Amino acid sequence: MNILYIFGNGFDKAQGMATSYPEFYQYLMKNKGSIHLEQLKKDINENTELWSDMEEALGKFTSHIFDASNFDDLYFELSERLQIYLKNEEDNYNPSDQQKEKFIKDFINPFQYIETTDTTNFIKLLTEKRPVGYPDTQDISVITFNYTNTLERLLPNDIVGESNNYSNSYAIDSSHFLYNIIHIHGQLGDSIIIGVDNEEQIANEQFRSNPDIKDLLVKEQSNSVMGNTRQAQCERLIKNADVILLYGVSLGTTDAHWWNLIREMFEKKDLHIIQHLYKENYIEVPSTRKQLYGRIKRGNRLEIMKKLGLGDNEDNWPKDASERLFFITNSNLFKI
């Protein structure tokens, strides 16, 4: 069974790291920058909650810049500030052996956290998909949108080296599982990608036709021009996945390519999706009110279907959609 994790900033937050956009914004406010960075800071204020919101705002901010070289300077200034801030957070993250052990247990078996009402459907999936001897032949891969090496610090020590099949990724082969990690937007200490999904998200129309600007700002082109194959690798992982677990991702418009591809696979094949949700003021349903499970699941299902572009009309969804969507809410999965 091919299991694919897609991690966003919520994963680092679950490790206690101050890596959210509002926290980075506070750092920017304490450190004066160039004229254009100061202007950008007024457009991307602390009320912006998600990294995808900041990237979207950066695309819109191009309407205030008319010289491509000025945008170059702004882009790399913002990138360098972000690297400095996140590197400090990464350096302060030192998980204990006990925390690593807990992470590995969750990594191998996240299904233990699936909500009770989904258990029957998931057992059916495991029966159909997993080979005899599970989990001995699990194939687990990770696409992370994070620049930090948080995952690498939680891994076992028996790293056997860089995989021949996955540039900029690691392969670990133990008696229980094989997994790979791809940082789709780059890693700290190397070039990182801050940008939008496509040129239509660049407000400055002249910049839309400027290949130099798109090398920086359009994520797919940025990966391509740097000569790596991360884009193709991640597309292959999504197409081959039996189960995709979404953790700490906002499904924002600046990564629309990935959500569109997941939607395409969900419609085309027997893909199962598990979404980890964090909801403030969430209250567990008491045993005396189990009738509420139905409306909660329908609400979660509607939310992700709309995010994936399938809309709010259930007639447009795959007929077995409800049987292939699972939710984990406010659990201790990957939380340290």
C-alpha atoms as a PDB file:
ATOM      1  CA  MET A   1       0.000   0.000   0.000  1.00  0.00           C
ATOM      2  CA  ASN A   2       1.434   3.359  -1.038  1.00  0.00           C
ATOM      3  CA  ILE A   3       0.913   5.951   1.686  1.00  0.00           C
ATOM      4  CA  LEU A   4       1.708   9.603   1.030  1.00  0.00           C
ATOM      5  CA  TYR A   5       1.895  12.251   3.721  1.00  0.00           C
ATOM      6  CA  ILE A   6       1.588  15.889   2.702  1.00  0.00           C
ATOM      7  CA  PHE A   7       2.844  18.136   5.491  1.00  0.00           C
ATOM      8  CA  GLY A   8       2.360  21.874   5.859  1.00  0.00           C
ATOM      9  CA  ASN A   9       3.271  24.421   8.494  1.00  0.00           C
ATOM     10  CA  GLY A  10       0.846  22.809  10.934  1.00  0.00           C
ATOM     11  CA  PHE A  11       3.345  19.968  11.347  1.00  0.00           C
ATOM     12  CA  ASP A  12       6.101  22.265  12.619  1.00  0.00           C
ATOM     13  CA  LYS A  13       3.558  24.021  14.834  1.00  0.00           C
ATOM     14  CA  ALA A  14       2.639  20.641  16.343  1.00  0.00           C
ATOM     15  CA  GLN A  15       6.298  20.300  17.358  1.00  0.00           C
ATOM     16  CA  GLY A  16       6.072  23.561  19.290  1.00  0.00           C
ATOM     17  CA  MET A  17       7.948  25.637  16.725  1.00  0.00           C
ATOM     18  CA  ALA A  18       7.020  29.298  16.129  1.00  0.00           C
ATOM     19  CA  THR A  19       6.842  28.945  12.351  1.00  0.00           C
ATOM     20  CA  SER A  20       3.453  30.443  11.511  1.00  0.00           C
ATOM     21  CA  TYR A  21       3.116  33.452   9.247  1.00  0.00           C
ATOM     22  CA  PRO A  22       1.896  35.817  12.047  1.00  0.00           C
ATOM     23  CA  GLU A  23       4.996  34.900  14.109  1.00  0.00           C
ATOM     24  CA  PHE A  24       7.282  35.618  11.164  1.00  0.00           C
ATOM     25  CA  TYR A  25       5.422  38.888  10.572  1.00  0.00           C
ATOM     26  CA  GLN A  26       6.196  39.999  14.128  1.00  0.00           C
ATOM     27  CA  TYR A  27       9.880  39.312  13.386  1.00  0.00           C
ATOM     28  CA  LEU A  28       9.668  41.421  10.218  1.00  0.00           C
ATOM     29  CA  MET A  29       8.083  44.276  12.156  1.00  0.00           C
ATOM     30  CA  LYS A  30      10.994  44.331  14.606  1.00  0.00           C
ATOM     31  CA  ASN A  31      13.580  44.593  11.825  1.00  0.00           C
ATOM     32  CA  LYS A  32      13.474  47.483   9.392  1.00  0.00           C
ATOM     33  CA  GLY A  33      13.992  46.628   5.749  1.00  0.00           C
ATOM     34  CA  SER A  34      14.206  48.274   2.343  1.00  0.00           C
ATOM     35  CA  ILE A  35      11.560  50.685   1.071  1.00  0.00           C
ATOM     36  CA  HIS A  36       9.788  47.969  -0.872  1.00  0.00           C
ATOM     37  CA  LEU A  37       9.863  45.527   2.042  1.00  0.00           C
ATOM     38  CA  GLU A  38       8.392  48.185   4.315  1.00  0.00           C
ATOM     39  CA  GLN A  39       5.643  48.743   1.754  1.00  0.00           C
ATOM     40  CA  LEU A  40       5.010  45.008   1.501  1.00  0.00           C
ATOM     41  CA  LYS A  41       4.723  44.739   5.289  1.00  0.00           C
ATOM     42  CA  LYS A  42       1.785  47.128   5.157  1.00  0.00           C
ATOM     43  CA  ASP A  43       0.028  44.858   2.649  1.00  0.00           C
ATOM     44  CA  ILE A  44       0.728  41.584   4.481  1.00  0.00           C
ATOM     45  CA  ASN A  45      -0.322  42.467   7.995  1.00  0.00           C
ATOM     46  CA  GLU A  46      -0.528  40.372  11.134  1.00  0.00           C
ATOM     47  CA  ASN A  47      -4.184  39.571  10.446  1.00  0.00           C
ATOM     48  CA  THR A  48      -3.037  37.345   7.594  1.00  0.00           C
ATOM     49  CA  GLU A  49      -3.019  33.889   9.163  1.00  0.00           C
ATOM     50  CA  LEU A  50      -1.629  31.515   6.527  1.00  0.00           C
ATOM     51  CA  TRP A  51       1.570  31.332   4.510  1.00  0.00           C
ATOM     52  CA  SER A  52      -0.556  30.930   1.395  1.00  0.00           C
ATOM     53  CA  ASP A  53      -2.212  34.264   2.233  1.00  0.00           C
ATOM     54  CA  MET A  54       1.201  35.916   2.359  1.00  0.00           C
ATOM     55  CA  GLU A  55       2.216  34.387  -0.965  1.00  0.00           C
ATOM     56  CA  GLU A  56      -1.040  35.514  -2.536  1.00  0.00           C
ATOM     57  CA  ALA A  57      -0.438  39.012  -1.161  1.00  0.00           C
ATOM     58  CA  LEU A  58       3.089  38.987  -2.630  1.00  0.00           C
ATOM     59  CA  GLY A  59       1.633  38.246  -6.058  1.00  0.00           C
ATOM     60  CA  LYS A  60      -0.786  41.141  -5.680  1.00  0.00           C
ATOM     61  CA  PHE A  61       1.957  43.453  -4.413  1.00  0.00           C
ATOM     62  CA  THR A  62       3.735  43.214  -7.778  1.00  0.00           C
ATOM     63  CA  SER A  63       1.245  45.850  -8.978  1.00  0.00           C
ATOM     64  CA  HIS A  64       3.178  48.369  -6.836  1.00  0.00           C
ATOM     65  CA  ILE A  65       6.556  47.554  -8.432  1.00  0.00           C
ATOM     66  CA  PHE A  66       7.363  48.528 -12.005  1.00  0.00           C
ATOM     67  CA  ASP A  67      11.042  47.711 -12.214  1.00  0.00           C
ATOM     68  CA  ALA A  68      11.992  44.039 -12.384  1.00  0.00           C
ATOM     69  CA  SER A  69      15.314  44.594 -10.626  1.00  0.00           C
ATOM     70  CA  ASN A  70      13.482  46.156  -7.683  1.00  0.00           C
ATOM     71  CA  PHE A  71      11.341  43.044  -7.433  1.00  0.00           C
ATOM     72  CA  ASP A  72      14.471  40.861  -7.520  1.00  0.00           C
ATOM     73  CA  ASP A  73      15.854  42.787  -4.569  1.00  0.00           C
ATOM     74  CA  LEU A  74      12.596  42.539  -2.632  1.00  0.00           C
ATOM     75  CA  TYR A  75      12.182  38.820  -3.316  1.00  0.00           C
ATOM     76  CA  PHE A  76      15.644  37.847  -2.134  1.00  0.00           C
ATOM     77  CA  GLU A  77      15.481  40.196   0.850  1.00  0.00           C
ATOM     78  CA  LEU A  78      12.249  38.538   1.959  1.00  0.00           C
ATOM     79  CA  SER A  79      13.713  35.076   1.298  1.00  0.00           C
ATOM     80  CA  GLU A  80      16.841  35.824   3.340  1.00  0.00           C
ATOM     81  CA  ARG A  81      14.821  37.226   6.244  1.00  0.00           C
ATOM     82  CA  LEU A  82      12.666  34.117   6.223  1.00  0.00           C
ATOM     83  CA  GLN A  83      15.691  31.811   6.174  1.00  0.00           C
ATOM     84  CA  ILE A  84      17.253  33.594   9.150  1.00  0.00           C
ATOM     85  CA  TYR A  85      14.044  33.427  11.155  1.00  0.00           C
ATOM     86  CA  LEU A  86      13.253  29.776  10.436  1.00  0.00           C
ATOM     87  CA  LYS A  87      16.868  28.648  10.905  1.00  0.00           C
ATOM     88  CA  ASN A  88      16.749  30.006  14.439  1.00  0.00           C
ATOM     89  CA  GLU A  89      13.568  28.012  15.095  1.00  0.00           C
ATOM     90  CA  GLU A  90      15.107  24.904  13.575  1.00  0.00           C
ATOM     91  CA  ASP A  91      18.283  25.222  15.648  1.00  0.00           C
ATOM     92  CA  ASN A  92      16.213  25.376  18.819  1.00  0.00           C
ATOM     93  CA  TYR A  93      14.344  22.178  17.964  1.00  0.00           C
ATOM     94  CA  ASN A  94      15.996  19.172  19.579  1.00  0.00           C
ATOM     95  CA  PRO A  95      13.549  16.292  20.043  1.00  0.00           C
ATOM     96  CA  SER A  96      14.310  13.711  22.706  1.00  0.00           C
ATOM     97  CA  ASP A  97      14.622   9.986  22.033  1.00  0.00           C
ATOM     98  CA  GLN A  98      11.186   9.527  23.564  1.00  0.00           C
ATOM     99  CA  GLN A  99       9.699  12.113  21.214  1.00  0.00           C
ATOM    100  CA  LYS A 100      11.353  10.445  18.233  1.00  0.00           C
ATOM    101  CA  GLU A 101       9.946   7.095  19.277  1.00  0.00           C
ATOM    102  CA  LYS A 102       6.447   8.537  19.538  1.00  0.00           C
ATOM    103  CA  PHE A 103       6.786  10.149  16.112  1.00  0.00           C
ATOM    104  CA  ILE A 104       7.861   6.897  14.467  1.00  0.00           C
ATOM    105  CA  LYS A 105       4.916   5.017  15.989  1.00  0.00           C
ATOM    106  CA  ASP A 106       2.542   7.640  14.624  1.00  0.00           C
ATOM    107  CA  PHE A 107       4.341   7.687  11.284  1.00  0.00           C
ATOM    108  CA  ILE A 108       3.965   3.940  10.792  1.00  0.00           C
ATOM    109  CA  ASN A 109       0.399   3.783  12.085  1.00  0.00           C
ATOM    110  CA  PRO A 110      -1.497   7.105  11.896  1.00  0.00           C
ATOM    111  CA  PHE A 111      -4.717   5.160  11.383  1.00  0.00           C
ATOM    112  CA  GLN A 112      -5.121   4.647  15.118  1.00  0.00           C
ATOM    113  CA  TYR A 113      -6.295   8.267  15.327  1.00  0.00           C
ATOM    114  CA  ILE A 114      -9.080   7.996  12.747  1.00  0.00           C
ATOM    115  CA  GLU A 115     -12.423   8.933  14.203  1.00  0.00           C
ATOM    116  CA  THR A 116     -14.472   6.040  15.561  1.00  0.00           C
ATOM    117  CA  THR A 117     -17.267   6.298  13.016  1.00  0.00           C
ATOM    118  CA  ASP A 118     -14.770   5.750  10.169  1.00  0.00           C
ATOM    119  CA  THR A 119     -13.183   2.628  11.624  1.00  0.00           C
ATOM    120  CA  THR A 120     -15.278   0.121   9.662  1.00  0.00           C
ATOM    121  CA  ASN A 121     -14.538   1.722   6.288  1.00  0.00           C
ATOM    122  CA  PHE A 122     -10.843   1.960   7.054  1.00  0.00           C
ATOM    123  CA  ILE A 123     -10.597  -1.657   8.144  1.00  0.00           C
ATOM    124  CA  LYS A 124     -12.164  -2.510   4.789  1.00  0.00           C
ATOM    125  CA  LEU A 125      -9.476  -0.456   3.037  1.00  0.00           C
ATOM    126  CA  LEU A 126      -6.654  -2.143   4.935  1.00  0.00           C
ATOM    127  CA  THR A 127      -8.076  -5.555   4.169  1.00  0.00           C
ATOM    128  CA  GLU A 128      -8.189  -4.804   0.456  1.00  0.00           C
ATOM    129  CA  LYS A 129      -4.927  -2.860   0.115  1.00  0.00           C
ATOM    130  CA  ARG A 130      -2.401  -4.110   2.590  1.00  0.00           C
ATOM    131  CA  PRO A 131      -0.390  -7.202   1.734  1.00  0.00           C
ATOM    132  CA  VAL A 132       0.041 -10.130   4.088  1.00  0.00           C
ATOM    133  CA  GLY A 133       2.516  -9.229   6.820  1.00  0.00           C
ATOM    134  CA  TYR A 134       1.517  -5.564   7.109  1.00  0.00           C
ATOM    135  CA  PRO A 135       3.267  -3.306   7.988  1.00  0.00           C
ATOM    136  CA  ASP A 136       6.403  -5.094   6.752  1.00  0.00           C
ATOM    137  CA  THR A 137       6.004  -3.812   3.201  1.00  0.00           C
ATOM    138  CA  GLN A 138       4.590  -0.331   3.750  1.00  0.00           C
ATOM    139  CA  ASP A 139       5.786   2.237   1.247  1.00  0.00           C
ATOM    140  CA  ILE A 140       5.573   5.671   2.864  1.00  0.00           C
ATOM    141  CA  SER A 141       6.514   8.925   1.165  1.00  0.00           C
ATOM    142  CA  VAL A 142       6.368  12.528   2.314  1.00  0.00           C
ATOM    143  CA  ILE A 143       5.852  15.751   0.418  1.00  0.00           C
ATOM    144  CA  THR A 144       6.526  18.653   2.751  1.00  0.00           C
ATOM    145  CA  PHE A 145       5.845  22.299   2.000  1.00  0.00           C
ATOM    146  CA  ASN A 146       8.105  23.255   4.909  1.00  0.00           C
ATOM    147  CA  TYR A 147      11.654  24.547   4.479  1.00  0.00           C
ATOM    148  CA  THR A 148      12.772  23.251   7.874  1.00  0.00           C
ATOM    149  CA  ASN A 149      14.470  19.921   8.523  1.00  0.00           C
ATOM    150  CA  THR A 150      12.092  19.076  11.369  1.00  0.00           C
ATOM    151  CA  LEU A 151      11.226  15.698   9.876  1.00  0.00           C
ATOM    152  CA  GLU A 152      14.868  14.765   9.410  1.00  0.00           C
ATOM    153  CA  ARG A 153      15.502  15.422  13.122  1.00  0.00           C
ATOM    154  CA  LEU A 154      12.758  12.957  14.026  1.00  0.00           C
ATOM    155  CA  LEU A 155      14.000  10.151  11.788  1.00  0.00           C
ATOM    156  CA  PRO A 156      15.800   6.991  12.927  1.00  0.00           C
ATOM    157  CA  ASN A 157      19.580   7.059  12.804  1.00  0.00           C
ATOM    158  CA  ASP A 158      19.912   4.321  10.164  1.00  0.00           C
ATOM    159  CA  ILE A 159      19.812   6.624   7.148  1.00  0.00           C
ATOM    160  CA  VAL A 160      21.355   4.746   4.261  1.00  0.00           C
ATOM    161  CA  GLY A 161      21.925   7.740   2.029  1.00  0.00           C
ATOM    162  CA  GLU A 162      20.259   9.655  -0.726  1.00  0.00           C
ATOM    163  CA  SER A 163      17.921   7.602  -2.860  1.00  0.00           C
ATOM    164  CA  ASN A 164      18.747   7.230  -6.540  1.00  0.00           C
ATOM    165  CA  ASN A 165      15.101   7.735  -7.379  1.00  0.00           C
ATOM    166  CA  TYR A 166      14.476  10.903  -5.387  1.00  0.00           C
ATOM    167  CA  SER A 167      16.730  13.911  -5.770  1.00  0.00           C
ATOM    168  CA  ASN A 168      16.910  15.991  -2.576  1.00  0.00           C
ATOM    169  CA  SER A 169      15.235  13.236  -0.578  1.00  0.00           C
ATOM    170  CA  TYR A 170      16.270  10.526   1.826  1.00  0.00           C
ATOM    171  CA  ALA A 171      15.462   6.832   1.899  1.00  0.00           C
ATOM    172  CA  ILE A 172      15.383   4.819   5.093  1.00  0.00           C
ATOM    173  CA  ASP A 173      15.066   1.083   4.835  1.00  0.00           C
ATOM    174  CA  SER A 174      14.204  -0.747   8.043  1.00  0.00           C
ATOM    175  CA  SER A 175      12.526  -4.076   8.706  1.00  0.00           C
ATOM    176  CA  HIS A 176       9.155  -2.330   8.734  1.00  0.00           C
ATOM    177  CA  PHE A 177       8.983   0.441   6.172  1.00  0.00           C
ATOM    178  CA  LEU A 178      10.605   2.415   3.406  1.00  0.00           C
ATOM    179  CA  TYR A 179      10.063   6.117   3.114  1.00  0.00           C
ATOM    180  CA  ASN A 180      11.188   9.143   1.152  1.00  0.00           C
ATOM    181  CA  ILE A 181      10.958  12.866   1.862  1.00  0.00           C
ATOM    182  CA  ILE A 182      10.756  15.636  -0.720  1.00  0.00           C
ATOM    183  CA  HIS A 183      10.862  19.323   0.209  1.00  0.00           C
ATOM    184  CA  ILE A 184       8.896  20.656  -2.733  1.00  0.00           C
ATOM    185  CA  HIS A 185       9.730  24.300  -1.957  1.00  0.00           C
ATOM    186  CA  GLY A 186      13.355  23.746  -0.969  1.00  0.00           C
ATOM    187  CA  GLN A 187      15.223  23.603   2.335  1.00  0.00           C
ATOM    188  CA  LEU A 188      16.954  26.066   4.625  1.00  0.00           C
ATOM    189  CA  GLY A 189      20.536  26.731   3.614  1.00  0.00           C
ATOM    190  CA  ASP A 190      19.623  26.306  -0.046  1.00  0.00           C
ATOM    191  CA  SER A 191      17.335  28.171  -2.450  1.00  0.00           C
ATOM    192  CA  ILE A 192      13.773  28.293  -1.164  1.00  0.00           C
ATOM    193  CA  ILE A 193      10.648  29.066  -3.150  1.00  0.00           C
ATOM    194  CA  ILE A 194       8.176  31.731  -2.059  1.00  0.00           C
ATOM    195  CA  GLY A 195       5.559  32.353  -4.683  1.00  0.00           C
ATOM    196  CA  VAL A 196       2.299  31.687  -6.444  1.00  0.00           C
ATOM    197  CA  ASP A 197       0.777  28.797  -8.337  1.00  0.00           C
ATOM    198  CA  ASN A 198       0.532  30.401 -11.778  1.00  0.00           C
ATOM    199  CA  GLU A 199       1.111  33.666 -13.623  1.00  0.00           C
ATOM    200  CA  GLU A 200      -2.529  34.716 -13.279  1.00  0.00           C
ATOM    201  CA  GLN A 201      -1.807  35.264  -9.589  1.00  0.00           C
ATOM    202  CA  ILE A 202       0.779  37.934 -10.491  1.00  0.00           C
ATOM    203  CA  ALA A 203      -1.044  41.277 -10.450  1.00  0.00           C
ATOM    204  CA  ASN A 204       1.541  43.132 -12.530  1.00  0.00           C
ATOM    205  CA  GLU A 205       0.630  42.190 -16.116  1.00  0.00           C
ATOM    206  CA  GLN A 206       4.091  43.063 -17.425  1.00  0.00           C
ATOM    207  CA  PHE A 207       5.648  40.677 -14.932  1.00  0.00           C
ATOM    208  CA  ARG A 208       3.351  37.876 -16.129  1.00  0.00           C
ATOM    209  CA  SER A 209       5.241  37.799 -19.416  1.00  0.00           C
ATOM    210  CA  ASN A 210       8.668  38.338 -17.841  1.00  0.00           C
ATOM    211  CA  PRO A 211      10.425  34.943 -17.613  1.00  0.00           C
ATOM    212  CA  ASP A 212      12.960  36.274 -15.102  1.00  0.00           C
ATOM    213  CA  ILE A 213      10.215  37.251 -12.671  1.00  0.00           C
ATOM    214  CA  LYS A 214       8.368  33.962 -13.202  1.00  0.00           C
ATOM    215  CA  ASP A 215      11.601  32.091 -12.435  1.00  0.00           C
ATOM    216  CA  LEU A 216      11.286  33.552  -8.949  1.00  0.00           C
ATOM    217  CA  LEU A 217       7.579  33.747  -8.352  1.00  0.00           C
ATOM    218  CA  VAL A 218       5.819  30.861 -10.165  1.00  0.00           C
ATOM    219  CA  LYS A 219       6.577  27.759  -8.132  1.00  0.00           C
ATOM    220  CA  GLU A 220       6.618  25.154 -10.896  1.00  0.00           C
ATOM    221  CA  GLN A 221       8.856  27.300 -13.114  1.00  0.00           C
ATOM    222  CA  SER A 222      11.117  28.079 -10.161  1.00  0.00           C
ATOM    223  CA  ASN A 223      11.698  24.382  -9.513  1.00  0.00           C
ATOM    224  CA  SER A 224      12.315  23.779 -13.197  1.00  0.00           C
ATOM    225  CA  VAL A 225      14.825  26.597 -13.695  1.00  0.00           C
ATOM    226  CA  MET A 226      16.866  25.392 -10.706  1.00  0.00           C
ATOM    227  CA  GLY A 227      17.333  22.085 -12.507  1.00  0.00           C
ATOM    228  CA  ASN A 228      15.711  19.827  -9.933  1.00  0.00           C
ATOM    229  CA  THR A 229      13.042  17.225 -10.573  1.00  0.00           C
ATOM    230  CA  ARG A 230      10.991  17.716  -7.423  1.00  0.00           C
ATOM    231  CA  GLN A 231       7.862  18.690  -9.337  1.00  0.00           C
ATOM    232  CA  ALA A 232       7.793  15.494 -11.392  1.00  0.00           C
ATOM    233  CA  GLN A 233       8.662  13.355  -8.365  1.00  0.00           C
ATOM    234  CA  CYS A 234       5.782  14.766  -6.330  1.00  0.00           C
ATOM    235  CA  GLU A 235       3.344  14.376  -9.196  1.00  0.00           C
ATOM    236  CA  ARG A 236       4.352  10.728  -9.499  1.00  0.00           C
ATOM    237  CA  LEU A 237       3.898  10.152  -5.760  1.00  0.00           C
ATOM    238  CA  ILE A 238       0.381  11.611  -5.829  1.00  0.00           C
ATOM    239  CA  LYS A 239      -0.594   9.574  -8.891  1.00  0.00           C
ATOM    240  CA  ASN A 240       0.681   6.337  -7.320  1.00  0.00           C
ATOM    241  CA  ALA A 241      -0.750   6.886  -3.825  1.00  0.00           C
ATOM    242  CA  ASP A 242      -3.425   4.612  -2.371  1.00  0.00           C
ATOM    243  CA  VAL A 243      -3.803   6.812   0.723  1.00  0.00           C
ATOM    244  CA  ILE A 244      -2.947  10.506   1.104  1.00  0.00           C
ATOM    245  CA  LEU A 245      -2.825  12.000   4.586  1.00  0.00           C
ATOM    246  CA  LEU A 246      -3.043  15.807   4.694  1.00  0.00           C
ATOM    247  CA  TYR A 247      -1.527  17.294   7.838  1.00  0.00           C
ATOM    248  CA  GLY A 248      -1.198  20.982   8.648  1.00  0.00           C
ATOM    249  CA  VAL A 249      -1.946  22.177   5.113  1.00  0.00           C
ATOM    250  CA  SER A 250      -4.390  24.958   4.280  1.00  0.00           C
ATOM    251  CA  LEU A 251      -5.191  23.875   0.691  1.00  0.00           C
ATOM    252  CA  GLY A 252      -4.455  27.454  -0.367  1.00  0.00           C
ATOM    253  CA  THR A 253      -4.674  28.854  -3.896  1.00  0.00           C
ATOM    254  CA  THR A 254      -0.904  29.371  -4.231  1.00  0.00           C
ATOM    255  CA  ASP A 255      -0.487  25.572  -4.276  1.00  0.00           C
ATOM    256  CA  ALA A 256      -3.567  24.924  -6.430  1.00  0.00           C
ATOM    257  CA  HIS A 257      -1.607  22.615  -8.757  1.00  0.00           C
ATOM    258  CA  TRP A 258      -1.332  19.981  -6.040  1.00  0.00           C
ATOM    259  CA  TRP A 259      -4.933  20.173  -4.878  1.00  0.00           C
ATOM    260  CA  ASN A 260      -6.128  19.940  -8.494  1.00  0.00           C
ATOM    261  CA  LEU A 261      -3.991  16.846  -9.039  1.00  0.00           C
ATOM    262  CA  ILE A 262      -5.303  15.223  -5.857  1.00  0.00           C
ATOM    263  CA  ARG A 263      -8.854  15.985  -6.978  1.00  0.00           C
ATOM    264  CA  GLU A 264      -8.130  14.425 -10.370  1.00  0.00           C
ATOM    265  CA  MET A 265      -6.798  11.255  -8.735  1.00  0.00           C
ATOM    266  CA  PHE A 266      -9.721  11.149  -6.287  1.00  0.00           C
ATOM    267  CA  GLU A 267     -12.120  11.216  -9.237  1.00  0.00           C
ATOM    268  CA  LYS A 268     -10.141   8.833 -11.429  1.00  0.00           C
ATOM    269  CA  LYS A 269      -8.987   6.065  -9.078  1.00  0.00           C
ATOM    270  CA  ASP A 270      -9.633   4.438  -5.725  1.00  0.00           C
ATOM    271  CA  LEU A 271      -7.708   7.088  -3.772  1.00  0.00           C
ATOM    272  CA  HIS A 272      -8.439   7.475  -0.063  1.00  0.00           C
ATOM    273  CA  ILE A 273      -7.807  10.775   1.730  1.00  0.00           C
ATOM    274  CA  ILE A 274      -7.263  11.320   5.439  1.00  0.00           C
ATOM    275  CA  GLN A 275      -7.359  14.933   6.574  1.00  0.00           C
ATOM    276  CA  HIS A 276      -6.055  16.021   9.949  1.00  0.00           C
ATOM    277  CA  LEU A 277      -8.062  18.997  11.174  1.00  0.00           C
ATOM    278  CA  TYR A 278      -7.268  21.437  13.930  1.00  0.00           C
ATOM    279  CA  LYS A 279     -10.295  23.365  15.109  1.00  0.00           C
ATOM    280  CA  GLU A 280     -10.251  25.921  17.887  1.00  0.00           C
ATOM    281  CA  ASN A 281     -12.882  25.497  20.605  1.00  0.00           C
ATOM    282  CA  TYR A 282     -13.491  21.957  19.371  1.00  0.00           C
ATOM    283  CA  ILE A 283     -15.538  19.912  21.813  1.00  0.00           C
ATOM    284  CA  GLU A 284     -15.526  16.124  21.699  1.00  0.00           C
ATOM    285  CA  VAL A 285     -18.955  14.648  21.066  1.00  0.00           C
ATOM    286  CA  PRO A 286     -20.126  13.030  24.324  1.00  0.00           C
ATOM    287  CA  SER A 287     -21.243   9.411  24.220  1.00  0.00           C
ATOM    288  CA  THR A 288     -24.816  10.517  24.867  1.00  0.00           C
ATOM    289  CA  ARG A 289     -24.904  12.636  21.665  1.00  0.00           C
ATOM    290  CA  LYS A 290     -23.459  10.369  18.980  1.00  0.00           C
ATOM    291  CA  GLN A 291     -26.181  11.504  16.583  1.00  0.00           C
ATOM    292  CA  LEU A 292     -24.040  14.612  16.053  1.00  0.00           C
ATOM    293  CA  TYR A 293     -21.337  12.564  14.279  1.00  0.00           C
ATOM    294  CA  GLY A 294     -23.281  12.712  11.030  1.00  0.00           C
ATOM    295  CA  ARG A 295     -23.468  16.483  10.748  1.00  0.00           C
ATOM    296  CA  ILE A 296     -19.825  16.885  11.762  1.00  0.00           C
ATOM    297  CA  LYS A 297     -18.658  14.444   9.081  1.00  0.00           C
ATOM    298  CA  ARG A 298     -20.889  16.040   6.456  1.00  0.00           C
ATOM    299  CA  GLY A 299     -19.460  19.443   7.321  1.00  0.00           C
ATOM    300  CA  ASN A 300     -15.865  18.195   7.085  1.00  0.00           C
ATOM    301  CA  ARG A 301     -16.621  16.393   3.832  1.00  0.00           C
ATOM    302  CA  LEU A 302     -18.206  19.488   2.296  1.00  0.00           C
ATOM    303  CA  GLU A 303     -15.262  21.649   3.337  1.00  0.00           C
ATOM    304  CA  ILE A 304     -12.594  19.479   1.729  1.00  0.00           C
ATOM    305  CA  MET A 305     -14.622  18.836  -1.423  1.00  0.00           C
ATOM    306  CA  LYS A 306     -14.982  22.584  -1.948  1.00  0.00           C
ATOM    307  CA  LYS A 307     -11.266  23.107  -1.279  1.00  0.00           C
ATOM    308  CA  LEU A 308     -10.399  20.444  -3.853  1.00  0.00           C
ATOM    309  CA  GLY A 309     -12.622  22.142  -6.411  1.00  0.00           C
ATOM    310  CA  LEU A 310     -15.482  19.643  -6.470  1.00  0.00           C
ATOM    311  CA  GLY A 311     -17.984  22.211  -5.200  1.00  0.00           C
ATOM    312  CA  ASP A 312     -20.835  21.866  -2.734  1.00  0.00           C
ATOM    313  CA  ASN A 313     -23.118  19.737  -4.913  1.00  0.00           C
ATOM    314  CA  GLU A 314     -22.791  16.114  -3.864  1.00  0.00           C
ATOM    315  CA  ASP A 315     -24.142  15.002  -7.248  1.00  0.00           C
ATOM    316  CA  ASN A 316     -20.792  16.118  -8.733  1.00  0.00           C
ATOM    317  CA  TRP A 317     -18.745  14.053  -6.325  1.00  0.00           C
ATOM    318  CA  PRO A 318     -17.664  10.459  -6.875  1.00  0.00           C
ATOM    319  CA  LYS A 319     -20.468   8.182  -5.660  1.00  0.00           C
ATOM    320  CA  ASP A 320     -18.283   6.550  -3.023  1.00  0.00           C
ATOM    321  CA  ALA A 321     -16.689   9.817  -1.822  1.00  0.00           C
ATOM    322  CA  SER A 322     -18.029   9.431   1.693  1.00  0.00           C
ATOM    323  CA  GLU A 323     -16.359   6.018   1.959  1.00  0.00           C
ATOM    324  CA  ARG A 324     -12.955   7.321   0.848  1.00  0.00           C
ATOM    325  CA  LEU A 325     -12.696  10.404   3.081  1.00  0.00           C
ATOM    326  CA  PHE A 326     -11.505  10.107   6.663  1.00  0.00           C
ATOM    327  CA  PHE A 327     -10.927  12.761   9.309  1.00  0.00           C
ATOM    328  CA  ILE A 328      -8.760  13.130  12.392  1.00  0.00           C
ATOM    329  CA  THR A 329      -9.666  16.139  14.545  1.00  0.00           C
ATOM    330  CA  ASN A 330      -7.498  17.745  17.239  1.00  0.00           C
ATOM    331  CA  SER A 331      -5.686  14.494  17.978  1.00  0.00           C
ATOM    332  CA  ASN A 332      -2.177  13.825  19.295  1.00  0.00           C
ATOM    333  CA  LEU A 333      -1.076  12.550  15.879  1.00  0.00           C
ATOM    334  CA  PHE A 334       2.526  13.769  15.349  1.00  0.00           C
ATOM    335  CA  LYS A 335       2.078  16.148  18.266  1.00  0.00           C
ATOM    336  CA  ILE A 336       5.018  16.321  20.632  1.00  0.00           C
END
